[in-house]
Amino acid sequence: MTRIEAIIQPGVLEKVESAMLAIGIQRLVITEVAERNLSNGPTACYRGARYRVSMPRLKVEILVPSDRSEEALSALRQAARCTSADDGTVIAYELAEAVLIHSGVHLQYSDV
């Protein structure tokens, strides 16, 4: 099983959801996060003092069978692309184990 985490701009969430549904992925975990680039991110000025601005982002987490990870990654990249330098980030890694809390049952590919 592969876990995919993507940090995306809020405006592309609907496109990402549609792309995942189109390839048969129905479960997404979506979290509001703030992204801050410490080296050259946007700054603002308040009463003469400059400070770094956190950019609102969404974190999308998806579990997919390992043999479908490339398909999911490709669909996610296409849907989340905004032609901007700060489109976001996608990370994928193999998941050793996933267990349902309420029953203790190990998740299988068919459960994803």
PDB file of N, CA and C in Angstrom:
ATOM      1  N   MET A   1       0.850  -1.165   0.000  1.00  0.00           N
ATOM      2  CA  MET A   1       0.000   0.000   0.000  1.00  0.00           C
ATOM      3  C   MET A   1       0.899   1.232   0.000  1.00  0.00           C
ATOM      4  N   THR A   2       0.489   2.251  -0.731  1.00  0.00           N
ATOM      5  CA  THR A   2       1.246   3.496  -0.839  1.00  0.00           C
ATOM      6  C   THR A   2       0.436   4.634  -0.238  1.00  0.00           C
ATOM      7  N   ARG A   3       1.109   5.477   0.514  1.00  0.00           N
ATOM      8  CA  ARG A   3       0.471   6.674   1.067  1.00  0.00           C
ATOM      9  C   ARG A   3       0.981   7.866   0.267  1.00  0.00           C
ATOM     10  N   ILE A   4       0.055   8.675  -0.221  1.00  0.00           N
ATOM     11  CA  ILE A   4       0.402   9.861  -0.991  1.00  0.00           C
ATOM     12  C   ILE A   4      -0.058  11.078  -0.198  1.00  0.00           C
ATOM     13  N   GLU A   5       0.865  12.013   0.005  1.00  0.00           N
ATOM     14  CA  GLU A   5       0.550  13.269   0.674  1.00  0.00           C
ATOM     15  C   GLU A   5       0.833  14.399  -0.305  1.00  0.00           C
ATOM     16  N   ALA A   6      -0.111  15.294  -0.448  1.00  0.00           N
ATOM     17  CA  ALA A   6       0.066  16.423  -1.356  1.00  0.00           C
ATOM     18  C   ALA A   6      -0.311  17.710  -0.646  1.00  0.00           C
ATOM     19  N   ILE A   7       0.534  18.719  -0.784  1.00  0.00           N
ATOM     20  CA  ILE A   7       0.228  20.056  -0.304  1.00  0.00           C
ATOM     21  C   ILE A   7      -0.202  20.837  -1.539  1.00  0.00           C
ATOM     22  N   ILE A   8      -1.453  21.283  -1.556  1.00  0.00           N
ATOM     23  CA  ILE A   8      -1.999  21.924  -2.745  1.00  0.00           C
ATOM     24  C   ILE A   8      -2.600  23.284  -2.400  1.00  0.00           C
ATOM     25  N   GLN A   9      -2.832  24.084  -3.429  1.00  0.00           N
ATOM     26  CA  GLN A   9      -3.533  25.343  -3.251  1.00  0.00           C
ATOM     27  C   GLN A   9      -5.022  25.054  -3.064  1.00  0.00           C
ATOM     28  N   PRO A  10      -5.698  25.803  -2.206  1.00  0.00           N
ATOM     29  CA  PRO A  10      -7.115  25.533  -1.939  1.00  0.00           C
ATOM     30  C   PRO A  10      -8.001  25.581  -3.178  1.00  0.00           C
ATOM     31  N   GLY A  11      -7.655  26.385  -4.152  1.00  0.00           N
ATOM     32  CA  GLY A  11      -8.487  26.546  -5.331  1.00  0.00           C
ATOM     33  C   GLY A  11      -8.559  25.342  -6.250  1.00  0.00           C
ATOM     34  N   VAL A  12      -7.662  24.379  -6.081  1.00  0.00           N
ATOM     35  CA  VAL A  12      -7.663  23.211  -6.965  1.00  0.00           C
ATOM     36  C   VAL A  12      -8.241  21.966  -6.297  1.00  0.00           C
ATOM     37  N   LEU A  13      -8.786  22.101  -5.106  1.00  0.00           N
ATOM     38  CA  LEU A  13      -9.306  20.938  -4.384  1.00  0.00           C
ATOM     39  C   LEU A  13     -10.397  20.215  -5.173  1.00  0.00           C
ATOM     40  N   GLU A  14     -11.326  20.937  -5.739  1.00  0.00           N
ATOM     41  CA  GLU A  14     -12.406  20.285  -6.494  1.00  0.00           C
ATOM     42  C   GLU A  14     -11.863  19.502  -7.682  1.00  0.00           C
ATOM     43  N   LYS A  15     -10.865  20.049  -8.369  1.00  0.00           N
ATOM     44  CA  LYS A  15     -10.262  19.339  -9.496  1.00  0.00           C
ATOM     45  C   LYS A  15      -9.568  18.067  -9.026  1.00  0.00           C
ATOM     46  N   VAL A  16      -8.898  18.133  -7.880  1.00  0.00           N
ATOM     47  CA  VAL A  16      -8.222  16.955  -7.328  1.00  0.00           C
ATOM     48  C   VAL A  16      -9.247  15.895  -6.938  1.00  0.00           C
ATOM     49  N   GLU A  17     -10.323  16.305  -6.266  1.00  0.00           N
ATOM     50  CA  GLU A  17     -11.369  15.353  -5.888  1.00  0.00           C
ATOM     51  C   GLU A  17     -11.978  14.681  -7.120  1.00  0.00           C
ATOM     52  N   SER A  18     -12.256  15.459  -8.159  1.00  0.00           N
ATOM     53  CA  SER A  18     -12.816  14.896  -9.389  1.00  0.00           C
ATOM     54  C   SER A  18     -11.852  13.923 -10.055  1.00  0.00           C
ATOM     55  N   ALA A  19     -10.574  14.263 -10.065  1.00  0.00           N
ATOM     56  CA  ALA A  19      -9.568  13.388 -10.678  1.00  0.00           C
ATOM     57  C   ALA A  19      -9.452  12.072  -9.916  1.00  0.00           C
ATOM     58  N   MET A  20      -9.524  12.128  -8.593  1.00  0.00           N
ATOM     59  CA  MET A  20      -9.437  10.904  -7.801  1.00  0.00           C
ATOM     60  C   MET A  20     -10.685  10.037  -8.003  1.00  0.00           C
ATOM     61  N   LEU A  21     -11.846  10.653  -8.044  1.00  0.00           N
ATOM     62  CA  LEU A  21     -13.073   9.902  -8.299  1.00  0.00           C
ATOM     63  C   LEU A  21     -13.042   9.246  -9.685  1.00  0.00           C
ATOM     64  N   ALA A  22     -12.477   9.936 -10.654  1.00  0.00           N
ATOM     65  CA  ALA A  22     -12.410   9.412 -12.020  1.00  0.00           C
ATOM     66  C   ALA A  22     -11.581   8.131 -12.116  1.00  0.00           C
ATOM     67  N   ILE A  23     -10.607   7.968 -11.214  1.00  0.00           N
ATOM     68  CA  ILE A  23      -9.797   6.743 -11.239  1.00  0.00           C
ATOM     69  C   ILE A  23     -10.213   5.770 -10.137  1.00  0.00           C
ATOM     70  N   GLY A  24     -11.330   6.057  -9.468  1.00  0.00           N
ATOM     71  CA  GLY A  24     -11.887   5.112  -8.507  1.00  0.00           C
ATOM     72  C   GLY A  24     -11.405   5.251  -7.078  1.00  0.00           C
ATOM     73  N   ILE A  25     -10.762   6.345  -6.740  1.00  0.00           N
ATOM     74  CA  ILE A  25     -10.319   6.572  -5.354  1.00  0.00           C
ATOM     75  C   ILE A  25     -11.357   7.459  -4.684  1.00  0.00           C
ATOM     76  N   GLN A  26     -11.964   6.931  -3.609  1.00  0.00           N
ATOM     77  CA  GLN A  26     -13.082   7.626  -2.984  1.00  0.00           C
ATOM     78  C   GLN A  26     -12.768   8.206  -1.613  1.00  0.00           C
ATOM     79  N   ARG A  27     -11.672   7.792  -0.990  1.00  0.00           N
ATOM     80  CA  ARG A  27     -11.355   8.280   0.351  1.00  0.00           C
ATOM     81  C   ARG A  27     -10.142   9.207   0.306  1.00  0.00           C
ATOM     82  N   LEU A  28     -10.365  10.427   0.774  1.00  0.00           N
ATOM     83  CA  LEU A  28      -9.300  11.411   0.900  1.00  0.00           C
ATOM     84  C   LEU A  28      -9.358  11.984   2.307  1.00  0.00           C
ATOM     85  N   VAL A  29      -8.215  12.288   2.868  1.00  0.00           N
ATOM     86  CA  VAL A  29      -8.165  13.027   4.125  1.00  0.00           C
ATOM     87  C   VAL A  29      -7.629  14.402   3.771  1.00  0.00           C
ATOM     88  N   ILE A  30      -8.372  15.438   4.127  1.00  0.00           N
ATOM     89  CA  ILE A  30      -8.002  16.801   3.766  1.00  0.00           C
ATOM     90  C   ILE A  30      -7.839  17.618   5.039  1.00  0.00           C
ATOM     91  N   THR A  31      -6.703  18.289   5.151  1.00  0.00           N
ATOM     92  CA  THR A  31      -6.379  19.081   6.327  1.00  0.00           C
ATOM     93  C   THR A  31      -5.944  20.470   5.889  1.00  0.00           C
ATOM     94  N   GLU A  32      -6.394  21.505   6.596  1.00  0.00           N
ATOM     95  CA  GLU A  32      -5.910  22.858   6.326  1.00  0.00           C
ATOM     96  C   GLU A  32      -4.552  23.021   6.994  1.00  0.00           C
ATOM     97  N   VAL A  33      -3.569  23.478   6.227  1.00  0.00           N
ATOM     98  CA  VAL A  33      -2.234  23.706   6.739  1.00  0.00           C
ATOM     99  C   VAL A  33      -1.760  25.077   6.277  1.00  0.00           C
ATOM    100  N   ALA A  34      -0.672  25.538   6.848  1.00  0.00           N
ATOM    101  CA  ALA A  34      -0.047  26.790   6.420  1.00  0.00           C
ATOM    102  C   ALA A  34       1.368  26.471   5.976  1.00  0.00           C
ATOM    103  N   GLU A  35       1.757  27.019   4.838  1.00  0.00           N
ATOM    104  CA  GLU A  35       3.091  26.781   4.312  1.00  0.00           C
ATOM    105  C   GLU A  35       3.877  28.079   4.420  1.00  0.00           C
ATOM    106  N   ARG A  36       5.126  27.954   4.847  1.00  0.00           N
ATOM    107  CA  ARG A  36       5.962  29.136   4.987  1.00  0.00           C
ATOM    108  C   ARG A  36       7.323  28.849   4.382  1.00  0.00           C
ATOM    109  N   ASN A  37       7.734  29.684   3.446  1.00  0.00           N
ATOM    110  CA  ASN A  37       9.045  29.571   2.828  1.00  0.00           C
ATOM    111  C   ASN A  37       9.959  30.560   3.532  1.00  0.00           C
ATOM    112  N   LEU A  38      10.901  30.055   4.313  1.00  0.00           N
ATOM    113  CA  LEU A  38      11.735  30.935   5.133  1.00  0.00           C
ATOM    114  C   LEU A  38      12.801  31.669   4.340  1.00  0.00           C
ATOM    115  N   SER A  39      13.169  31.174   3.179  1.00  0.00           N
ATOM    116  CA  SER A  39      14.261  31.804   2.438  1.00  0.00           C
ATOM    117  C   SER A  39      13.786  32.934   1.528  1.00  0.00           C
ATOM    118  N   ASN A  40      12.705  32.714   0.774  1.00  0.00           N
ATOM    119  CA  ASN A  40      12.290  33.771  -0.152  1.00  0.00           C
ATOM    120  C   ASN A  40      10.777  33.831  -0.322  1.00  0.00           C
ATOM    121  N   GLY A  41      10.036  33.500   0.704  1.00  0.00           N
ATOM    122  CA  GLY A  41       8.583  33.547   0.623  1.00  0.00           C
ATOM    123  C   GLY A  41       8.066  34.965   0.712  1.00  0.00           C
ATOM    124  N   PRO A  42       6.757  35.135   0.584  1.00  0.00           N
ATOM    125  CA  PRO A  42       6.177  36.478   0.626  1.00  0.00           C
ATOM    126  C   PRO A  42       6.307  37.098   2.013  1.00  0.00           C
ATOM    127  N   THR A  43       6.455  38.412   2.018  1.00  0.00           N
ATOM    128  CA  THR A  43       6.558  39.150   3.275  1.00  0.00           C
ATOM    129  C   THR A  43       5.497  40.244   3.284  1.00  0.00           C
ATOM    130  N   ALA A  44       5.210  40.735   4.461  1.00  0.00           N
ATOM    131  CA  ALA A  44       4.282  41.853   4.624  1.00  0.00           C
ATOM    132  C   ALA A  44       4.912  42.835   5.603  1.00  0.00           C
ATOM    133  N   CYS A  45       4.332  44.004   5.663  1.00  0.00           N
ATOM    134  CA  CYS A  45       4.854  45.037   6.550  1.00  0.00           C
ATOM    135  C   CYS A  45       3.728  45.513   7.459  1.00  0.00           C
ATOM    136  N   TYR A  46       4.007  45.547   8.757  1.00  0.00           N
ATOM    137  CA  TYR A  46       3.040  46.037   9.722  1.00  0.00           C
ATOM    138  C   TYR A  46       3.750  47.003  10.657  1.00  0.00           C
ATOM    139  N   ARG A  47       3.340  48.253  10.653  1.00  0.00           N
ATOM    140  CA  ARG A  47       3.943  49.308  11.476  1.00  0.00           C
ATOM    141  C   ARG A  47       5.459  49.372  11.302  1.00  0.00           C
ATOM    142  N   GLY A  48       5.871  49.222  10.070  1.00  0.00           N
ATOM    143  CA  GLY A  48       7.288  49.355   9.741  1.00  0.00           C
ATOM    144  C   GLY A  48       8.109  48.092   9.906  1.00  0.00           C
ATOM    145  N   ALA A  49       7.529  47.043  10.457  1.00  0.00           N
ATOM    146  CA  ALA A  49       8.274  45.791  10.655  1.00  0.00           C
ATOM    147  C   ALA A  49       7.876  44.782   9.577  1.00  0.00           C
ATOM    148  N   ARG A  50       8.869  44.175   8.949  1.00  0.00           N
ATOM    149  CA  ARG A  50       8.614  43.159   7.932  1.00  0.00           C
ATOM    150  C   ARG A  50       8.518  41.788   8.594  1.00  0.00           C
ATOM    151  N   TYR A  51       7.605  40.969   8.104  1.00  0.00           N
ATOM    152  CA  TYR A  51       7.471  39.610   8.623  1.00  0.00           C
ATOM    153  C   TYR A  51       7.069  38.677   7.491  1.00  0.00           C
ATOM    154  N   ARG A  52       7.377  37.400   7.669  1.00  0.00           N
ATOM    155  CA  ARG A  52       7.037  36.372   6.670  1.00  0.00           C
ATOM    156  C   ARG A  52       5.551  36.039   6.771  1.00  0.00           C
ATOM    157  N   VAL A  53       4.951  35.771   5.637  1.00  0.00           N
ATOM    158  CA  VAL A  53       3.528  35.470   5.575  1.00  0.00           C
ATOM    159  C   VAL A  53       3.358  33.977   5.310  1.00  0.00           C
ATOM    160  N   SER A  54       2.502  33.337   6.088  1.00  0.00           N
ATOM    161  CA  SER A  54       2.167  31.936   5.844  1.00  0.00           C
ATOM    162  C   SER A  54       1.100  31.873   4.767  1.00  0.00           C
ATOM    163  N   MET A  55       1.279  30.960   3.824  1.00  0.00           N
ATOM    164  CA  MET A  55       0.323  30.812   2.735  1.00  0.00           C
ATOM    165  C   MET A  55      -0.639  29.677   3.053  1.00  0.00           C
ATOM    166  N   PRO A  56      -1.943  29.918   2.957  1.00  0.00           N
ATOM    167  CA  PRO A  56      -2.910  28.843   3.250  1.00  0.00           C
ATOM    168  C   PRO A  56      -2.808  27.746   2.195  1.00  0.00           C
ATOM    169  N   ARG A  57      -2.789  26.513   2.643  1.00  0.00           N
ATOM    170  CA  ARG A  57      -2.701  25.356   1.757  1.00  0.00           C
ATOM    171  C   ARG A  57      -3.596  24.254   2.312  1.00  0.00           C
ATOM    172  N   LEU A  58      -3.808  23.240   1.505  1.00  0.00           N
ATOM    173  CA  LEU A  58      -4.518  22.050   1.935  1.00  0.00           C
ATOM    174  C   LEU A  58      -3.590  20.858   1.800  1.00  0.00           C
ATOM    175  N   LYS A  59      -3.652  19.963   2.765  1.00  0.00           N
ATOM    176  CA  LYS A  59      -2.893  18.727   2.699  1.00  0.00           C
ATOM    177  C   LYS A  59      -3.884  17.610   2.404  1.00  0.00           C
ATOM    178  N   VAL A  60      -3.641  16.897   1.305  1.00  0.00           N
ATOM    179  CA  VAL A  60      -4.500  15.796   0.889  1.00  0.00           C
ATOM    180  C   VAL A  60      -3.718  14.507   1.098  1.00  0.00           C
ATOM    181  N   GLU A  61      -4.316  13.563   1.821  1.00  0.00           N
ATOM    182  CA  GLU A  61      -3.681  12.268   2.063  1.00  0.00           C
ATOM    183  C   GLU A  61      -4.542  11.175   1.447  1.00  0.00           C
ATOM    184  N   ILE A  62      -3.873  10.262   0.725  1.00  0.00           N
ATOM    185  CA  ILE A  62      -4.572   9.199   0.000  1.00  0.00           C
ATOM    186  C   ILE A  62      -3.835   7.891   0.226  1.00  0.00           C
ATOM    187  N   LEU A  63      -4.572   6.803   0.458  1.00  0.00           N
ATOM    188  CA  LEU A  63      -4.000   5.463   0.490  1.00  0.00           C
ATOM    189  C   LEU A  63      -4.433   4.742  -0.773  1.00  0.00           C
ATOM    190  N   VAL A  64      -3.459   4.194  -1.494  1.00  0.00           N
ATOM    191  CA  VAL A  64      -3.763   3.463  -2.726  1.00  0.00           C
ATOM    192  C   VAL A  64      -2.969   2.166  -2.748  1.00  0.00           C
ATOM    193  N   PRO A  65      -3.458   1.155  -3.451  1.00  0.00           N
ATOM    194  CA  PRO A  65      -2.664  -0.053  -3.638  1.00  0.00           C
ATOM    195  C   PRO A  65      -1.365   0.302  -4.369  1.00  0.00           C
ATOM    196  N   SER A  66      -0.287  -0.368  -4.044  1.00  0.00           N
ATOM    197  CA  SER A  66       1.019  -0.056  -4.621  1.00  0.00           C
ATOM    198  C   SER A  66       1.017  -0.102  -6.142  1.00  0.00           C
ATOM    199  N   ASP A  67       0.246  -1.014  -6.720  1.00  0.00           N
ATOM    200  CA  ASP A  67       0.241  -1.135  -8.172  1.00  0.00           C
ATOM    201  C   ASP A  67      -0.541  -0.012  -8.856  1.00  0.00           C
ATOM    202  N   ARG A  68      -1.249   0.820  -8.092  1.00  0.00           N
ATOM    203  CA  ARG A  68      -1.998   1.951  -8.664  1.00  0.00           C
ATOM    204  C   ARG A  68      -1.412   3.299  -8.273  1.00  0.00           C
ATOM    205  N   SER A  69      -0.251   3.291  -7.615  1.00  0.00           N
ATOM    206  CA  SER A  69       0.312   4.553  -7.124  1.00  0.00           C
ATOM    207  C   SER A  69       0.722   5.493  -8.252  1.00  0.00           C
ATOM    208  N   GLU A  70       1.308   4.978  -9.324  1.00  0.00           N
ATOM    209  CA  GLU A  70       1.705   5.840 -10.445  1.00  0.00           C
ATOM    210  C   GLU A  70       0.494   6.505 -11.086  1.00  0.00           C
ATOM    211  N   GLU A  71      -0.584   5.753 -11.230  1.00  0.00           N
ATOM    212  CA  GLU A  71      -1.824   6.288 -11.802  1.00  0.00           C
ATOM    213  C   GLU A  71      -2.372   7.414 -10.919  1.00  0.00           C
ATOM    214  N   ALA A  72      -2.377   7.189  -9.612  1.00  0.00           N
ATOM    215  CA  ALA A  72      -2.889   8.194  -8.684  1.00  0.00           C
ATOM    216  C   ALA A  72      -1.990   9.430  -8.661  1.00  0.00           C
ATOM    217  N   LEU A  73      -0.669   9.215  -8.663  1.00  0.00           N
ATOM    218  CA  LEU A  73       0.268  10.342  -8.670  1.00  0.00           C
ATOM    219  C   LEU A  73       0.103  11.187  -9.926  1.00  0.00           C
ATOM    220  N   SER A  74      -0.025  10.537 -11.051  1.00  0.00           N
ATOM    221  CA  SER A  74      -0.180  11.255 -12.312  1.00  0.00           C
ATOM    222  C   SER A  74      -1.474  12.081 -12.328  1.00  0.00           C
ATOM    223  N   ALA A  75      -2.572  11.478 -11.896  1.00  0.00           N
ATOM    224  CA  ALA A  75      -3.856  12.188 -11.856  1.00  0.00           C
ATOM    225  C   ALA A  75      -3.798  13.363 -10.887  1.00  0.00           C
ATOM    226  N   LEU A  76      -3.145  13.168  -9.752  1.00  0.00           N
ATOM    227  CA  LEU A  76      -3.022  14.222  -8.752  1.00  0.00           C
ATOM    228  C   LEU A  76      -2.190  15.383  -9.283  1.00  0.00           C
ATOM    229  N   ARG A  77      -1.057  15.076  -9.903  1.00  0.00           N
ATOM    230  CA  ARG A  77      -0.201  16.141 -10.452  1.00  0.00           C
ATOM    231  C   ARG A  77      -0.931  16.944 -11.517  1.00  0.00           C
ATOM    232  N   GLN A  78      -1.649  16.257 -12.401  1.00  0.00           N
ATOM    233  CA  GLN A  78      -2.375  16.961 -13.458  1.00  0.00           C
ATOM    234  C   GLN A  78      -3.465  17.866 -12.877  1.00  0.00           C
ATOM    235  N   ALA A  79      -4.194  17.374 -11.896  1.00  0.00           N
ATOM    236  CA  ALA A  79      -5.310  18.138 -11.329  1.00  0.00           C
ATOM    237  C   ALA A  79      -4.838  19.320 -10.485  1.00  0.00           C
ATOM    238  N   ALA A  80      -3.717  19.183  -9.794  1.00  0.00           N
ATOM    239  CA  ALA A  80      -3.265  20.217  -8.862  1.00  0.00           C
ATOM    240  C   ALA A  80      -2.383  21.275  -9.510  1.00  0.00           C
ATOM    241  N   ARG A  81      -2.010  21.083 -10.758  1.00  0.00           N
ATOM    242  CA  ARG A  81      -1.102  22.022 -11.429  1.00  0.00           C
ATOM    243  C   ARG A  81      -1.802  23.347 -11.683  1.00  0.00           C
ATOM    244  N   CYS A  82      -1.110  24.438 -11.309  1.00  0.00           N
ATOM    245  CA  CYS A  82      -1.642  25.786 -11.497  1.00  0.00           C
ATOM    246  C   CYS A  82      -0.702  26.653 -12.331  1.00  0.00           C
ATOM    247  N   THR A  83       0.349  26.071 -12.868  1.00  0.00           N
ATOM    248  CA  THR A  83       1.391  26.787 -13.626  1.00  0.00           C
ATOM    249  C   THR A  83       2.019  27.909 -12.813  1.00  0.00           C
ATOM    250  N   SER A  84       2.215  27.663 -11.546  1.00  0.00           N
ATOM    251  CA  SER A  84       2.839  28.627 -10.651  1.00  0.00           C
ATOM    252  C   SER A  84       4.001  27.943  -9.948  1.00  0.00           C
ATOM    253  N   ALA A  85       4.995  28.721  -9.558  1.00  0.00           N
ATOM    254  CA  ALA A  85       6.153  28.147  -8.883  1.00  0.00           C
ATOM    255  C   ALA A  85       5.781  27.535  -7.537  1.00  0.00           C
ATOM    256  N   ASP A  86       4.681  27.985  -6.942  1.00  0.00           N
ATOM    257  CA  ASP A  86       4.276  27.461  -5.634  1.00  0.00           C
ATOM    258  C   ASP A  86       3.029  26.585  -5.741  1.00  0.00           C
ATOM    259  N   ASP A  87       2.980  25.732  -6.763  1.00  0.00           N
ATOM    260  CA  ASP A  87       1.857  24.812  -6.938  1.00  0.00           C
ATOM    261  C   ASP A  87       1.679  23.884  -5.748  1.00  0.00           C
ATOM    262  N   GLY A  88       2.762  23.434  -5.162  1.00  0.00           N
ATOM    263  CA  GLY A  88       2.677  22.527  -4.024  1.00  0.00           C
ATOM    264  C   GLY A  88       3.687  21.410  -4.123  1.00  0.00           C
ATOM    265  N   THR A  89       3.493  20.389  -3.305  1.00  0.00           N
ATOM    266  CA  THR A  89       4.425  19.288  -3.205  1.00  0.00           C
ATOM    267  C   THR A  89       3.645  17.981  -3.098  1.00  0.00           C
ATOM    268  N   VAL A  90       4.177  16.926  -3.718  1.00  0.00           N
ATOM    269  CA  VAL A  90       3.574  15.603  -3.605  1.00  0.00           C
ATOM    270  C   VAL A  90       4.653  14.646  -3.098  1.00  0.00           C
ATOM    271  N   ILE A  91       4.306  13.871  -2.069  1.00  0.00           N
ATOM    272  CA  ILE A  91       5.221  12.888  -1.496  1.00  0.00           C
ATOM    273  C   ILE A  91       4.504  11.543  -1.474  1.00  0.00           C
ATOM    274  N   ALA A  92       5.190  10.504  -1.915  1.00  0.00           N
ATOM    275  CA  ALA A  92       4.610   9.157  -1.886  1.00  0.00           C
ATOM    276  C   ALA A  92       5.599   8.222  -1.223  1.00  0.00           C
ATOM    277  N   TYR A  93       5.102   7.346  -0.376  1.00  0.00           N
ATOM    278  CA  TYR A  93       5.965   6.359   0.262  1.00  0.00           C
ATOM    279  C   TYR A  93       5.174   5.100   0.576  1.00  0.00           C
ATOM    280  N   GLU A  94       5.909   3.995   0.648  1.00  0.00           N
ATOM    281  CA  GLU A  94       5.290   2.709   0.950  1.00  0.00           C
ATOM    282  C   GLU A  94       4.869   2.663   2.410  1.00  0.00           C
ATOM    283  N   LEU A  95       3.703   2.134   2.635  1.00  0.00           N
ATOM    284  CA  LEU A  95       3.148   2.031   3.974  1.00  0.00           C
ATOM    285  C   LEU A  95       3.299   0.590   4.448  1.00  0.00           C
ATOM    286  N   ALA A  96       3.923   0.407   5.574  1.00  0.00           N
ATOM    287  CA  ALA A  96       4.151  -0.941   6.082  1.00  0.00           C
ATOM    288  C   ALA A  96       2.865  -1.577   6.601  1.00  0.00           C
ATOM    289  N   GLU A  97       2.026  -0.764   7.272  1.00  0.00           N
ATOM    290  CA  GLU A  97       0.848  -1.334   7.909  1.00  0.00           C
ATOM    291  C   GLU A  97      -0.176  -0.247   8.176  1.00  0.00           C
ATOM    292  N   ALA A  98      -1.446  -0.602   8.071  1.00  0.00           N
ATOM    293  CA  ALA A  98      -2.539   0.293   8.439  1.00  0.00           C
ATOM    294  C   ALA A  98      -3.588  -0.535   9.166  1.00  0.00           C
ATOM    295  N   VAL A  99      -4.030  -0.044  10.332  1.00  0.00           N
ATOM    296  CA  VAL A  99      -4.962  -0.791  11.168  1.00  0.00           C
ATOM    297  C   VAL A  99      -6.134   0.112  11.531  1.00  0.00           C
ATOM    298  N   LEU A 100      -7.357  -0.417  11.410  1.00  0.00           N
ATOM    299  CA  LEU A 100      -8.540   0.319  11.839  1.00  0.00           C
ATOM    300  C   LEU A 100      -8.587   0.362  13.360  1.00  0.00           C
ATOM    301  N   ILE A 101      -8.774   1.521  13.928  1.00  0.00           N
ATOM    302  CA  ILE A 101      -8.748   1.685  15.382  1.00  0.00           C
ATOM    303  C   ILE A 101      -9.889   0.936  16.058  1.00  0.00           C
ATOM    304  N   HIS A 102     -11.107   1.075  15.560  1.00  0.00           N
ATOM    305  CA  HIS A 102     -12.268   0.517  16.258  1.00  0.00           C
ATOM    306  C   HIS A 102     -12.296  -1.011  16.270  1.00  0.00           C
ATOM    307  N   SER A 103     -11.711  -1.660  15.267  1.00  0.00           N
ATOM    308  CA  SER A 103     -11.792  -3.121  15.218  1.00  0.00           C
ATOM    309  C   SER A 103     -10.437  -3.816  15.299  1.00  0.00           C
ATOM    310  N   GLY A 104      -9.350  -3.077  15.077  1.00  0.00           N
ATOM    311  CA  GLY A 104      -8.032  -3.685  15.082  1.00  0.00           C
ATOM    312  C   GLY A 104      -7.727  -4.466  13.817  1.00  0.00           C
ATOM    313  N   VAL A 105      -8.587  -4.358  12.806  1.00  0.00           N
ATOM    314  CA  VAL A 105      -8.418  -5.086  11.554  1.00  0.00           C
ATOM    315  C   VAL A 105      -7.388  -4.367  10.689  1.00  0.00           C
ATOM    316  N   HIS A 106      -6.483  -5.132  10.095  1.00  0.00           N
ATOM    317  CA  HIS A 106      -5.493  -4.568   9.179  1.00  0.00           C
ATOM    318  C   HIS A 106      -6.167  -4.210   7.866  1.00  0.00           C
ATOM    319  N   LEU A 107      -5.881  -2.995   7.363  1.00  0.00           N
ATOM    320  CA  LEU A 107      -6.444  -2.582   6.081  1.00  0.00           C
ATOM    321  C   LEU A 107      -5.824  -3.382   4.957  1.00  0.00           C
ATOM    322  N   GLN A 108      -6.645  -3.773   4.020  1.00  0.00           N
ATOM    323  CA  GLN A 108      -6.198  -4.470   2.823  1.00  0.00           C
ATOM    324  C   GLN A 108      -6.417  -3.541   1.633  1.00  0.00           C
ATOM    325  N   TYR A 109      -5.920  -3.931   0.479  1.00  0.00           N
ATOM    326  CA  TYR A 109      -6.088  -3.124  -0.717  1.00  0.00           C
ATOM    327  C   TYR A 109      -7.561  -2.855  -1.004  1.00  0.00           C
ATOM    328  N   SER A 110      -8.420  -3.807  -0.773  1.00  0.00           N
ATOM    329  CA  SER A 110      -9.841  -3.636  -1.085  1.00  0.00           C
ATOM    330  C   SER A 110     -10.524  -2.633  -0.145  1.00  0.00           C
ATOM    331  N   ASP A 111      -9.903  -2.340   1.010  1.00  0.00           N
ATOM    332  CA  ASP A 111     -10.477  -1.402   1.966  1.00  0.00           C
ATOM    333  C   ASP A 111     -10.174   0.049   1.631  1.00  0.00           C
ATOM    334  N   VAL A 112      -9.232   0.286   0.740  1.00  0.00           N
ATOM    335  CA  VAL A 112      -8.788   1.642   0.454  1.00  0.00           C
ATOM    336  C   VAL A 112      -9.781   2.350  -0.428  1.00  0.00           C
TER     337      VAL A 112
END
